[in-house]
Amino acid sequence: MTASPTARLGAAARAAARSRLWRVVLALVLVLAALGGWWLSATGSPGYPRGETGFATGVQRGVYDRYGQLLQEHVAGAMPGVRLRLDNSQGSLDNLERVTSGRDDFAIATADSVAKYSGPGKDRLRAIARLYDDYLQLVVPADSPVQRTADLKGLRVGVGQSLSGVNLVTRRLLAAAALDPDKDIRPSMLGVGDAADQLQAGKLDAFFWSGGLPTSALTDLSEHFRIKFVPLGDLAEIVHQVEGGGTDAYRAATIPSNTYPKAGPTEPVATVAVPNLLVTRDDVDTGLVQGMTRAVIDSRDRIGSQVHAAQLVDLRTAVYTDPLPLHEGARRYYRSVKP
């Protein structure tokens, strides 16, 4: 039986309506999908894994320790979802062991310590940035007869903890001064805070410290106890030539006269400096490292207002991380901001 013209027109109208409805539904689905994709992009993964990641700093009251505290505060705002756990340590060599073993993902270490380190996983170490230089500082009471490193013979001397960069460079300096670090002095393995306390208490005759300028523990000590800094410039070239450890780690430097206003002498003090590197491992997430690199550069002024050494963190020099290659995440960051 053939449908009437009216019935055929009604069926066609209903079909057209269904077609229009499906087109509307399809358009809505596409719009919602686009909005969903935007929402996921805006509120989902930030390009790095969320959660806690370890950062090995150094001894309490040292520059590494304070730098880590301030970087932790910056990361909390700049990298939502990342919690930077700070782990105190003996110093550079301890930090390298912590990173290679996986106990921490990030750490600060001196370039000479990196060159010296020979533990398992050394080939997996990577650099994020060159930060600032550590200055070797030999501290004695203001009335001490010690005028040069050789005068330490037979004295009680703080030489840094066994796995610290302080201990490494101190032993090299003592050897350059023709002193056996184990026989010609009475060494004490102390961090800067304990060494300062023991010098003030009369239990030490001198101590070495390698850190950024100024170091708060030394500033505090100078405000309560009269101290002076012994020049080390006569040993700078010897250490640079003989103990470079395969890298151009050491250079002659000067501690400005106003670094510790209440300490002597009143003129600049010649010494030895070594660069600090921010290090990680090759398997740490690329996005996480890229974000950390950005955080280090972006936080320079804020951190530098409290840790003066951090003012020297510079985008132009941060990439010079000898003897370590850059991590791919750090390399991506530097490429992204290259003019």
C-alpha atoms as a PDB file:
ATOM      1  CA  MET A   1       0.000   0.000   0.000  1.00  0.00           C
ATOM      2  CA  THR A   2       1.486   3.354  -1.029  1.00  0.00           C
ATOM      3  CA  ALA A   3       1.762   6.076   1.670  1.00  0.00           C
ATOM      4  CA  SER A   4      -0.116   9.239   1.090  1.00  0.00           C
ATOM      5  CA  PRO A   5       1.772  12.437   0.221  1.00  0.00           C
ATOM      6  CA  THR A   6       0.916  13.822   3.646  1.00  0.00           C
ATOM      7  CA  ALA A   7       2.371  10.764   5.401  1.00  0.00           C
ATOM      8  CA  ARG A   8       5.498  10.941   3.292  1.00  0.00           C
ATOM      9  CA  LEU A   9       5.948  14.623   4.187  1.00  0.00           C
ATOM     10  CA  GLY A  10       5.510  13.836   7.901  1.00  0.00           C
ATOM     11  CA  ALA A  11       8.111  11.085   7.805  1.00  0.00           C
ATOM     12  CA  ALA A  12      10.563  13.345   6.002  1.00  0.00           C
ATOM     13  CA  ALA A  13       9.989  16.067   8.589  1.00  0.00           C
ATOM     14  CA  ARG A  14      10.597  13.660  11.447  1.00  0.00           C
ATOM     15  CA  ALA A  15      13.784  12.369   9.802  1.00  0.00           C
ATOM     16  CA  ALA A  16      15.061  15.909   9.309  1.00  0.00           C
ATOM     17  CA  ALA A  17      14.329  16.720  12.911  1.00  0.00           C
ATOM     18  CA  ARG A  18      16.203  13.632  14.124  1.00  0.00           C
ATOM     19  CA  SER A  19      19.118  14.587  11.888  1.00  0.00           C
ATOM     20  CA  ARG A  20      19.193  18.109  13.298  1.00  0.00           C
ATOM     21  CA  LEU A  21      18.986  16.710  16.845  1.00  0.00           C
ATOM     22  CA  TRP A  22      21.927  14.393  16.264  1.00  0.00           C
ATOM     23  CA  ARG A  23      23.944  17.253  14.804  1.00  0.00           C
ATOM     24  CA  VAL A  24      23.207  19.337  17.896  1.00  0.00           C
ATOM     25  CA  VAL A  25      24.120  16.423  20.178  1.00  0.00           C
ATOM     26  CA  LEU A  26      27.334  15.833  18.241  1.00  0.00           C
ATOM     27  CA  ALA A  27      28.231  19.522  18.444  1.00  0.00           C
ATOM     28  CA  LEU A  28      27.626  19.508  22.192  1.00  0.00           C
ATOM     29  CA  VAL A  29      29.792  16.405  22.616  1.00  0.00           C
ATOM     30  CA  LEU A  30      32.617  18.043  20.683  1.00  0.00           C
ATOM     31  CA  VAL A  31      32.352  21.232  22.761  1.00  0.00           C
ATOM     32  CA  LEU A  32      32.341  19.281  26.021  1.00  0.00           C
ATOM     33  CA  ALA A  33      35.319  17.237  24.870  1.00  0.00           C
ATOM     34  CA  ALA A  34      37.229  20.392  24.055  1.00  0.00           C
ATOM     35  CA  LEU A  35      36.345  21.928  27.411  1.00  0.00           C
ATOM     36  CA  GLY A  36      37.330  18.710  29.158  1.00  0.00           C
ATOM     37  CA  GLY A  37      40.681  18.679  27.434  1.00  0.00           C
ATOM     38  CA  TRP A  38      41.291  22.300  28.409  1.00  0.00           C
ATOM     39  CA  TRP A  39      40.331  21.570  32.015  1.00  0.00           C
ATOM     40  CA  LEU A  40      42.677  18.608  32.210  1.00  0.00           C
ATOM     41  CA  SER A  41      45.433  20.688  30.722  1.00  0.00           C
ATOM     42  CA  ALA A  42      44.846  23.514  33.170  1.00  0.00           C
ATOM     43  CA  THR A  43      44.295  21.489  36.338  1.00  0.00           C
ATOM     44  CA  GLY A  44      45.857  18.112  35.624  1.00  0.00           C
ATOM     45  CA  SER A  45      49.487  17.099  35.266  1.00  0.00           C
ATOM     46  CA  PRO A  46      51.848  20.096  35.442  1.00  0.00           C
ATOM     47  CA  GLY A  47      54.531  18.309  33.435  1.00  0.00           C
ATOM     48  CA  TYR A  48      56.329  16.815  36.431  1.00  0.00           C
ATOM     49  CA  PRO A  49      55.492  14.153  39.034  1.00  0.00           C
ATOM     50  CA  ARG A  50      53.842  15.412  42.201  1.00  0.00           C
ATOM     51  CA  GLY A  51      54.959  14.253  45.624  1.00  0.00           C
ATOM     52  CA  GLU A  52      57.976  14.427  47.887  1.00  0.00           C
ATOM     53  CA  THR A  53      61.544  14.617  46.600  1.00  0.00           C
ATOM     54  CA  GLY A  54      64.693  14.719  48.706  1.00  0.00           C
ATOM     55  CA  PHE A  55      67.266  17.529  48.677  1.00  0.00           C
ATOM     56  CA  ALA A  56      70.559  16.921  50.531  1.00  0.00           C
ATOM     57  CA  THR A  57      71.942  20.165  51.949  1.00  0.00           C
ATOM     58  CA  GLY A  58      74.760  20.114  54.505  1.00  0.00           C
ATOM     59  CA  VAL A  59      75.551  20.832  58.134  1.00  0.00           C
ATOM     60  CA  GLN A  60      73.182  22.915  60.211  1.00  0.00           C
ATOM     61  CA  ARG A  61      73.983  26.652  60.272  1.00  0.00           C
ATOM     62  CA  GLY A  62      75.916  26.307  57.018  1.00  0.00           C
ATOM     63  CA  VAL A  63      75.186  28.071  53.731  1.00  0.00           C
ATOM     64  CA  TYR A  64      73.910  24.896  52.026  1.00  0.00           C
ATOM     65  CA  ASP A  65      71.414  24.468  54.856  1.00  0.00           C
ATOM     66  CA  ARG A  66      70.026  27.995  54.603  1.00  0.00           C
ATOM     67  CA  TYR A  67      69.981  27.931  50.801  1.00  0.00           C
ATOM     68  CA  GLY A  68      67.946  24.718  50.904  1.00  0.00           C
ATOM     69  CA  GLN A  69      65.407  26.222  53.314  1.00  0.00           C
ATOM     70  CA  LEU A  70      64.801  29.214  51.068  1.00  0.00           C
ATOM     71  CA  LEU A  71      64.660  27.131  47.887  1.00  0.00           C
ATOM     72  CA  GLN A  72      62.145  24.848  49.589  1.00  0.00           C
ATOM     73  CA  GLU A  73      59.884  27.847  50.228  1.00  0.00           C
ATOM     74  CA  HIS A  74      60.143  28.978  46.604  1.00  0.00           C
ATOM     75  CA  VAL A  75      59.448  25.510  45.179  1.00  0.00           C
ATOM     76  CA  ALA A  76      56.310  25.188  47.322  1.00  0.00           C
ATOM     77  CA  GLY A  77      54.783  28.108  45.420  1.00  0.00           C
ATOM     78  CA  ALA A  78      56.399  27.703  42.018  1.00  0.00           C
ATOM     79  CA  MET A  79      55.857  23.935  41.627  1.00  0.00           C
ATOM     80  CA  PRO A  80      52.443  23.019  43.085  1.00  0.00           C
ATOM     81  CA  GLY A  81      52.336  19.447  44.319  1.00  0.00           C
ATOM     82  CA  VAL A  82      56.099  19.117  44.832  1.00  0.00           C
ATOM     83  CA  ARG A  83      57.315  18.834  48.439  1.00  0.00           C
ATOM     84  CA  LEU A  84      61.047  19.396  48.760  1.00  0.00           C
ATOM     85  CA  ARG A  85      62.306  17.385  51.746  1.00  0.00           C
ATOM     86  CA  LEU A  86      65.532  18.805  53.180  1.00  0.00           C
ATOM     87  CA  ASP A  87      68.114  16.351  54.491  1.00  0.00           C
ATOM     88  CA  ASN A  88      71.080  17.607  56.498  1.00  0.00           C
ATOM     89  CA  SER A  89      74.357  15.855  55.769  1.00  0.00           C
ATOM     90  CA  GLN A  90      78.088  16.027  56.384  1.00  0.00           C
ATOM     91  CA  GLY A  91      78.589  17.925  53.131  1.00  0.00           C
ATOM     92  CA  SER A  92      79.545  17.443  49.502  1.00  0.00           C
ATOM     93  CA  LEU A  93      80.866  13.868  49.420  1.00  0.00           C
ATOM     94  CA  ASP A  94      78.035  12.681  51.649  1.00  0.00           C
ATOM     95  CA  ASN A  95      75.571  14.458  49.340  1.00  0.00           C
ATOM     96  CA  LEU A  96      76.950  12.683  46.276  1.00  0.00           C
ATOM     97  CA  GLU A  97      76.553   9.321  47.994  1.00  0.00           C
ATOM     98  CA  ARG A  98      72.987  10.208  48.911  1.00  0.00           C
ATOM     99  CA  VAL A  99      72.116  11.094  45.309  1.00  0.00           C
ATOM    100  CA  THR A 100      73.799   8.101  43.662  1.00  0.00           C
ATOM    101  CA  SER A 101      72.176   5.713  46.158  1.00  0.00           C
ATOM    102  CA  GLY A 102      68.730   7.196  45.531  1.00  0.00           C
ATOM    103  CA  ARG A 103      68.195   8.502  49.071  1.00  0.00           C
ATOM    104  CA  ASP A 104      67.924  12.003  47.628  1.00  0.00           C
ATOM    105  CA  ASP A 105      67.240  13.293  44.120  1.00  0.00           C
ATOM    106  CA  PHE A 106      68.977  16.658  44.457  1.00  0.00           C
ATOM    107  CA  ALA A 107      72.007  17.969  46.321  1.00  0.00           C
ATOM    108  CA  ILE A 108      74.689  20.643  46.388  1.00  0.00           C
ATOM    109  CA  ALA A 109      78.324  19.605  46.006  1.00  0.00           C
ATOM    110  CA  THR A 110      81.614  21.316  45.259  1.00  0.00           C
ATOM    111  CA  ALA A 111      83.235  20.717  41.882  1.00  0.00           C
ATOM    112  CA  ASP A 112      86.367  19.227  43.464  1.00  0.00           C
ATOM    113  CA  SER A 113      84.218  16.746  45.413  1.00  0.00           C
ATOM    114  CA  VAL A 114      82.487  15.677  42.205  1.00  0.00           C
ATOM    115  CA  ALA A 115      85.869  15.138  40.544  1.00  0.00           C
ATOM    116  CA  LYS A 116      87.147  13.206  43.580  1.00  0.00           C
ATOM    117  CA  TYR A 117      84.053  11.038  44.058  1.00  0.00           C
ATOM    118  CA  SER A 118      84.515   7.446  42.933  1.00  0.00           C
ATOM    119  CA  GLY A 119      81.554   5.665  44.496  1.00  0.00           C
ATOM    120  CA  PRO A 120      79.017   3.457  42.723  1.00  0.00           C
ATOM    121  CA  GLY A 121      76.819   5.358  40.278  1.00  0.00           C
ATOM    122  CA  LYS A 122      79.225   8.211  39.642  1.00  0.00           C
ATOM    123  CA  ASP A 123      78.544   7.920  35.893  1.00  0.00           C
ATOM    124  CA  ARG A 124      74.869   8.638  36.586  1.00  0.00           C
ATOM    125  CA  LEU A 125      75.497  12.014  38.211  1.00  0.00           C
ATOM    126  CA  ARG A 126      74.239  15.006  36.259  1.00  0.00           C
ATOM    127  CA  ALA A 127      74.348  18.752  36.868  1.00  0.00           C
ATOM    128  CA  ILE A 128      71.500  21.238  37.054  1.00  0.00           C
ATOM    129  CA  ALA A 129      73.396  24.484  37.560  1.00  0.00           C
ATOM    130  CA  ARG A 130      76.572  26.073  38.749  1.00  0.00           C
ATOM    131  CA  LEU A 131      75.487  28.040  41.801  1.00  0.00           C
ATOM    132  CA  TYR A 132      78.083  30.128  43.617  1.00  0.00           C
ATOM    133  CA  ASP A 133      81.651  29.714  44.864  1.00  0.00           C
ATOM    134  CA  ASP A 134      82.720  28.448  48.276  1.00  0.00           C
ATOM    135  CA  TYR A 135      85.594  30.325  49.925  1.00  0.00           C
ATOM    136  CA  LEU A 136      87.995  28.490  52.188  1.00  0.00           C
ATOM    137  CA  GLN A 137      88.185  30.296  55.526  1.00  0.00           C
ATOM    138  CA  LEU A 138      90.755  29.578  58.250  1.00  0.00           C
ATOM    139  CA  VAL A 139      89.433  30.984  61.516  1.00  0.00           C
ATOM    140  CA  VAL A 140      91.494  31.591  64.659  1.00  0.00           C
ATOM    141  CA  PRO A 141      91.068  33.716  67.805  1.00  0.00           C
ATOM    142  CA  ALA A 142      92.016  37.347  67.233  1.00  0.00           C
ATOM    143  CA  ASP A 143      95.065  37.036  69.526  1.00  0.00           C
ATOM    144  CA  SER A 144      96.304  33.799  67.922  1.00  0.00           C
ATOM    145  CA  PRO A 145      99.969  33.716  66.790  1.00  0.00           C
ATOM    146  CA  VAL A 146      98.924  31.795  63.669  1.00  0.00           C
ATOM    147  CA  GLN A 147      99.786  33.880  60.601  1.00  0.00           C
ATOM    148  CA  ARG A 148      99.858  31.187  57.901  1.00  0.00           C
ATOM    149  CA  THR A 149      98.797  27.571  57.431  1.00  0.00           C
ATOM    150  CA  ALA A 150     102.226  26.168  58.363  1.00  0.00           C
ATOM    151  CA  ASP A 151     101.812  27.706  61.849  1.00  0.00           C
ATOM    152  CA  LEU A 152      99.072  25.172  62.628  1.00  0.00           C
ATOM    153  CA  LYS A 153     101.604  22.441  63.346  1.00  0.00           C
ATOM    154  CA  GLY A 154     100.803  20.737  66.656  1.00  0.00           C
ATOM    155  CA  LEU A 155      97.557  22.648  67.152  1.00  0.00           C
ATOM    156  CA  ARG A 156      93.954  21.504  67.607  1.00  0.00           C
ATOM    157  CA  VAL A 157      92.315  22.182  64.242  1.00  0.00           C
ATOM    158  CA  GLY A 158      88.753  21.671  62.985  1.00  0.00           C
ATOM    159  CA  VAL A 159      88.969  20.130  59.519  1.00  0.00           C
ATOM    160  CA  GLY A 160      85.326  19.479  58.638  1.00  0.00           C
ATOM    161  CA  GLN A 161      83.427  16.219  58.789  1.00  0.00           C
ATOM    162  CA  SER A 162      84.921  13.235  56.994  1.00  0.00           C
ATOM    163  CA  LEU A 163      82.523  13.284  54.019  1.00  0.00           C
ATOM    164  CA  SER A 164      82.482  17.037  53.564  1.00  0.00           C
ATOM    165  CA  GLY A 165      83.973  19.206  50.863  1.00  0.00           C
ATOM    166  CA  VAL A 166      85.576  21.180  53.702  1.00  0.00           C
ATOM    167  CA  ASN A 167      87.598  18.144  54.719  1.00  0.00           C
ATOM    168  CA  LEU A 168      88.644  17.408  51.152  1.00  0.00           C
ATOM    169  CA  VAL A 169      90.024  20.859  50.361  1.00  0.00           C
ATOM    170  CA  THR A 170      91.456  21.292  53.892  1.00  0.00           C
ATOM    171  CA  ARG A 171      93.543  18.144  53.590  1.00  0.00           C
ATOM    172  CA  ARG A 172      94.807  19.322  50.227  1.00  0.00           C
ATOM    173  CA  LEU A 173      95.722  22.745  51.589  1.00  0.00           C
ATOM    174  CA  LEU A 174      97.520  21.275  54.589  1.00  0.00           C
ATOM    175  CA  ALA A 175      99.515  19.009  52.286  1.00  0.00           C
ATOM    176  CA  ALA A 176     100.381  22.020  50.124  1.00  0.00           C
ATOM    177  CA  ALA A 177     101.717  23.672  53.298  1.00  0.00           C
ATOM    178  CA  ALA A 178     103.905  20.580  53.940  1.00  0.00           C
ATOM    179  CA  LEU A 179     101.740  19.432  56.858  1.00  0.00           C
ATOM    180  CA  ASP A 180     100.481  15.871  57.255  1.00  0.00           C
ATOM    181  CA  PRO A 181      96.752  16.271  58.067  1.00  0.00           C
ATOM    182  CA  ASP A 182      96.820  13.167  60.281  1.00  0.00           C
ATOM    183  CA  LYS A 183     100.144  13.658  62.091  1.00  0.00           C
ATOM    184  CA  ASP A 184     101.221  17.307  62.113  1.00  0.00           C
ATOM    185  CA  ILE A 185      98.004  18.689  63.586  1.00  0.00           C
ATOM    186  CA  ARG A 186      95.409  17.396  66.043  1.00  0.00           C
ATOM    187  CA  PRO A 187      92.378  17.181  63.733  1.00  0.00           C
ATOM    188  CA  SER A 188      88.759  17.407  64.848  1.00  0.00           C
ATOM    189  CA  MET A 189      86.000  16.323  62.471  1.00  0.00           C
ATOM    190  CA  LEU A 190      83.475  19.084  63.064  1.00  0.00           C
ATOM    191  CA  GLY A 191      80.847  20.984  61.150  1.00  0.00           C
ATOM    192  CA  VAL A 192      80.983  24.767  61.143  1.00  0.00           C
ATOM    193  CA  GLY A 193      78.536  25.256  64.016  1.00  0.00           C
ATOM    194  CA  ASP A 194      80.287  22.874  66.404  1.00  0.00           C
ATOM    195  CA  ALA A 195      83.708  24.180  65.365  1.00  0.00           C
ATOM    196  CA  ALA A 196      82.646  27.756  66.105  1.00  0.00           C
ATOM    197  CA  ASP A 197      81.338  26.734  69.519  1.00  0.00           C
ATOM    198  CA  GLN A 198      84.521  24.861  70.393  1.00  0.00           C
ATOM    199  CA  LEU A 199      86.795  27.699  69.260  1.00  0.00           C
ATOM    200  CA  GLN A 200      84.887  30.085  71.510  1.00  0.00           C
ATOM    201  CA  ALA A 201      85.095  27.579  74.383  1.00  0.00           C
ATOM    202  CA  GLY A 202      88.861  27.285  73.991  1.00  0.00           C
ATOM    203  CA  LYS A 203      88.703  23.640  72.887  1.00  0.00           C
ATOM    204  CA  LEU A 204      90.075  24.388  69.396  1.00  0.00           C
ATOM    205  CA  ASP A 205      92.960  26.563  68.252  1.00  0.00           C
ATOM    206  CA  ALA A 206      91.676  27.001  64.693  1.00  0.00           C
ATOM    207  CA  PHE A 207      89.217  25.603  62.187  1.00  0.00           C
ATOM    208  CA  PHE A 208      88.719  25.510  58.459  1.00  0.00           C
ATOM    209  CA  TRP A 209      85.422  26.233  56.761  1.00  0.00           C
ATOM    210  CA  SER A 210      84.525  26.222  53.078  1.00  0.00           C
ATOM    211  CA  GLY A 211      81.321  28.092  52.311  1.00  0.00           C
ATOM    212  CA  GLY A 212      79.643  31.017  50.643  1.00  0.00           C
ATOM    213  CA  LEU A 213      80.226  34.554  51.880  1.00  0.00           C
ATOM    214  CA  PRO A 214      79.219  35.367  54.480  1.00  0.00           C
ATOM    215  CA  THR A 215      78.462  32.221  56.483  1.00  0.00           C
ATOM    216  CA  SER A 216      75.961  32.991  59.246  1.00  0.00           C
ATOM    217  CA  ALA A 217      77.719  30.752  61.805  1.00  0.00           C
ATOM    218  CA  LEU A 218      80.893  32.809  61.377  1.00  0.00           C
ATOM    219  CA  THR A 219      79.018  36.101  61.473  1.00  0.00           C
ATOM    220  CA  ASP A 220      77.383  35.001  64.732  1.00  0.00           C
ATOM    221  CA  LEU A 221      80.724  33.871  66.163  1.00  0.00           C
ATOM    222  CA  SER A 222      82.406  37.188  65.325  1.00  0.00           C
ATOM    223  CA  GLU A 223      79.683  39.082  67.175  1.00  0.00           C
ATOM    224  CA  HIS A 224      80.357  37.208  70.429  1.00  0.00           C
ATOM    225  CA  PHE A 225      84.034  36.316  70.171  1.00  0.00           C
ATOM    226  CA  ARG A 226      86.974  38.129  68.614  1.00  0.00           C
ATOM    227  CA  ILE A 227      88.302  36.204  65.603  1.00  0.00           C
ATOM    228  CA  LYS A 228      90.485  36.752  62.579  1.00  0.00           C
ATOM    229  CA  PHE A 229      90.933  35.030  59.227  1.00  0.00           C
ATOM    230  CA  VAL A 230      94.320  33.667  58.205  1.00  0.00           C
ATOM    231  CA  PRO A 231      95.411  34.308  54.582  1.00  0.00           C
ATOM    232  CA  LEU A 232      95.637  31.209  52.371  1.00  0.00           C
ATOM    233  CA  GLY A 233      96.577  32.845  49.092  1.00  0.00           C
ATOM    234  CA  ASP A 234     100.141  31.496  49.174  1.00  0.00           C
ATOM    235  CA  LEU A 235      98.723  27.989  48.690  1.00  0.00           C
ATOM    236  CA  ALA A 236      96.166  28.762  45.975  1.00  0.00           C
ATOM    237  CA  GLU A 237      98.431  28.128  42.993  1.00  0.00           C
ATOM    238  CA  ILE A 238      99.918  24.946  44.512  1.00  0.00           C
ATOM    239  CA  VAL A 239      96.484  23.434  45.125  1.00  0.00           C
ATOM    240  CA  HIS A 240      95.237  24.526  41.701  1.00  0.00           C
ATOM    241  CA  GLN A 241      98.134  22.864  39.878  1.00  0.00           C
ATOM    242  CA  VAL A 242      98.597  19.722  41.963  1.00  0.00           C
ATOM    243  CA  GLU A 243      95.179  18.897  43.395  1.00  0.00           C
ATOM    244  CA  GLY A 244      92.730  19.920  40.702  1.00  0.00           C
ATOM    245  CA  GLY A 245      91.403  16.395  40.641  1.00  0.00           C
ATOM    246  CA  GLY A 246      90.899  16.416  36.886  1.00  0.00           C
ATOM    247  CA  THR A 247      88.910  19.627  36.848  1.00  0.00           C
ATOM    248  CA  ASP A 248      89.621  23.325  36.967  1.00  0.00           C
ATOM    249  CA  ALA A 249      88.138  23.429  40.453  1.00  0.00           C
ATOM    250  CA  TYR A 250      90.281  25.813  42.456  1.00  0.00           C
ATOM    251  CA  ARG A 251      91.078  29.453  41.895  1.00  0.00           C
ATOM    252  CA  ALA A 252      92.716  32.230  43.857  1.00  0.00           C
ATOM    253  CA  ALA A 253      90.141  34.499  45.484  1.00  0.00           C
ATOM    254  CA  THR A 254      89.751  37.241  48.051  1.00  0.00           C
ATOM    255  CA  ILE A 255      87.465  37.567  51.052  1.00  0.00           C
ATOM    256  CA  PRO A 256      86.379  41.248  51.009  1.00  0.00           C
ATOM    257  CA  SER A 257      87.220  43.241  54.128  1.00  0.00           C
ATOM    258  CA  ASN A 258      83.553  43.982  54.916  1.00  0.00           C
ATOM    259  CA  THR A 259      82.397  40.335  54.772  1.00  0.00           C
ATOM    260  CA  TYR A 260      82.613  39.949  58.562  1.00  0.00           C
ATOM    261  CA  PRO A 261      82.686  43.532  59.901  1.00  0.00           C
ATOM    262  CA  LYS A 262      83.556  42.523  63.477  1.00  0.00           C
ATOM    263  CA  ALA A 263      86.379  40.144  62.527  1.00  0.00           C
ATOM    264  CA  GLY A 264      89.975  40.840  61.582  1.00  0.00           C
ATOM    265  CA  PRO A 265      91.958  41.705  59.663  1.00  0.00           C
ATOM    266  CA  THR A 266      90.593  44.974  58.327  1.00  0.00           C
ATOM    267  CA  GLU A 267      92.048  44.368  54.863  1.00  0.00           C
ATOM    268  CA  PRO A 268      90.915  41.755  52.285  1.00  0.00           C
ATOM    269  CA  VAL A 269      92.116  38.190  52.892  1.00  0.00           C
ATOM    270  CA  ALA A 270      93.599  36.084  50.084  1.00  0.00           C
ATOM    271  CA  THR A 271      92.223  32.560  49.882  1.00  0.00           C
ATOM    272  CA  VAL A 272      91.067  29.708  47.616  1.00  0.00           C
ATOM    273  CA  ALA A 273      87.600  29.338  46.057  1.00  0.00           C
ATOM    274  CA  VAL A 274      85.788  26.371  44.501  1.00  0.00           C
ATOM    275  CA  PRO A 275      82.452  26.315  42.585  1.00  0.00           C
ATOM    276  CA  ASN A 276      79.287  24.700  43.924  1.00  0.00           C
ATOM    277  CA  LEU A 277      77.082  22.608  41.653  1.00  0.00           C
ATOM    278  CA  LEU A 278      73.451  21.605  42.041  1.00  0.00           C
ATOM    279  CA  VAL A 279      73.440  17.909  41.110  1.00  0.00           C
ATOM    280  CA  THR A 280      70.970  15.114  40.406  1.00  0.00           C
ATOM    281  CA  ARG A 281      70.863  11.679  38.705  1.00  0.00           C
ATOM    282  CA  ASP A 282      70.250  10.832  35.069  1.00  0.00           C
ATOM    283  CA  ASP A 283      67.024   8.939  35.915  1.00  0.00           C
ATOM    284  CA  VAL A 284      65.306  11.792  37.772  1.00  0.00           C
ATOM    285  CA  ASP A 285      62.219  12.925  35.850  1.00  0.00           C
ATOM    286  CA  THR A 286      63.031  15.397  33.077  1.00  0.00           C
ATOM    287  CA  GLY A 287      60.066  17.663  33.839  1.00  0.00           C
ATOM    288  CA  LEU A 288      60.939  17.727  37.541  1.00  0.00           C
ATOM    289  CA  VAL A 289      64.537  18.715  36.800  1.00  0.00           C
ATOM    290  CA  GLN A 290      63.404  21.364  34.317  1.00  0.00           C
ATOM    291  CA  GLY A 291      61.112  22.842  36.967  1.00  0.00           C
ATOM    292  CA  MET A 292      63.865  22.767  39.586  1.00  0.00           C
ATOM    293  CA  THR A 293      66.257  24.510  37.213  1.00  0.00           C
ATOM    294  CA  ARG A 294      63.704  27.256  36.627  1.00  0.00           C
ATOM    295  CA  ALA A 295      63.135  27.540  40.388  1.00  0.00           C
ATOM    296  CA  VAL A 296      66.867  27.993  41.050  1.00  0.00           C
ATOM    297  CA  ILE A 297      67.187  30.787  38.495  1.00  0.00           C
ATOM    298  CA  ASP A 298      63.896  32.516  39.322  1.00  0.00           C
ATOM    299  CA  SER A 299      64.554  32.501  43.097  1.00  0.00           C
ATOM    300  CA  ARG A 300      68.009  34.087  42.876  1.00  0.00           C
ATOM    301  CA  ASP A 301      67.041  37.574  44.018  1.00  0.00           C
ATOM    302  CA  ARG A 302      64.752  36.388  46.794  1.00  0.00           C
ATOM    303  CA  ILE A 303      67.258  33.868  48.171  1.00  0.00           C
ATOM    304  CA  GLY A 304      70.155  36.239  47.566  1.00  0.00           C
ATOM    305  CA  SER A 305      68.576  38.831  49.855  1.00  0.00           C
ATOM    306  CA  GLN A 306      69.210  36.429  52.744  1.00  0.00           C
ATOM    307  CA  VAL A 307      72.052  34.234  51.440  1.00  0.00           C
ATOM    308  CA  HIS A 308      74.368  36.757  49.843  1.00  0.00           C
ATOM    309  CA  ALA A 309      76.372  34.111  47.989  1.00  0.00           C
ATOM    310  CA  ALA A 310      73.240  33.174  46.031  1.00  0.00           C
ATOM    311  CA  GLN A 311      73.265  36.602  44.385  1.00  0.00           C
ATOM    312  CA  LEU A 312      76.016  35.182  42.178  1.00  0.00           C
ATOM    313  CA  VAL A 313      73.718  32.560  40.622  1.00  0.00           C
ATOM    314  CA  ASP A 314      73.622  33.708  37.014  1.00  0.00           C
ATOM    315  CA  LEU A 315      71.885  32.367  33.910  1.00  0.00           C
ATOM    316  CA  ARG A 316      74.986  33.003  31.809  1.00  0.00           C
ATOM    317  CA  THR A 317      77.329  30.995  34.041  1.00  0.00           C
ATOM    318  CA  ALA A 318      74.903  28.376  35.387  1.00  0.00           C
ATOM    319  CA  VAL A 319      75.557  26.075  32.406  1.00  0.00           C
ATOM    320  CA  TYR A 320      79.288  25.754  33.170  1.00  0.00           C
ATOM    321  CA  THR A 321      79.093  22.635  35.314  1.00  0.00           C
ATOM    322  CA  ASP A 322      82.450  20.944  34.730  1.00  0.00           C
ATOM    323  CA  PRO A 323      83.114  18.088  35.492  1.00  0.00           C
ATOM    324  CA  LEU A 324      79.455  17.007  35.099  1.00  0.00           C
ATOM    325  CA  PRO A 325      77.247  17.137  32.000  1.00  0.00           C
ATOM    326  CA  LEU A 326      73.874  18.823  32.275  1.00  0.00           C
ATOM    327  CA  HIS A 327      70.750  16.764  32.921  1.00  0.00           C
ATOM    328  CA  GLU A 328      68.380  16.773  29.937  1.00  0.00           C
ATOM    329  CA  GLY A 329      65.763  18.638  31.986  1.00  0.00           C
ATOM    330  CA  ALA A 330      68.226  21.413  32.790  1.00  0.00           C
ATOM    331  CA  ARG A 331      69.312  21.543  29.159  1.00  0.00           C
ATOM    332  CA  ARG A 332      65.680  21.986  28.068  1.00  0.00           C
ATOM    333  CA  TYR A 333      65.225  24.870  30.467  1.00  0.00           C
ATOM    334  CA  TYR A 334      68.342  26.705  29.297  1.00  0.00           C
ATOM    335  CA  ARG A 335      67.316  26.236  25.660  1.00  0.00           C
ATOM    336  CA  SER A 336      63.859  27.613  26.420  1.00  0.00           C
ATOM    337  CA  VAL A 337      65.230  30.873  27.824  1.00  0.00           C
ATOM    338  CA  LYS A 338      68.093  31.341  25.400  1.00  0.00           C
ATOM    339  CA  PRO A 339      67.742  34.689  23.585  1.00  0.00           C
END
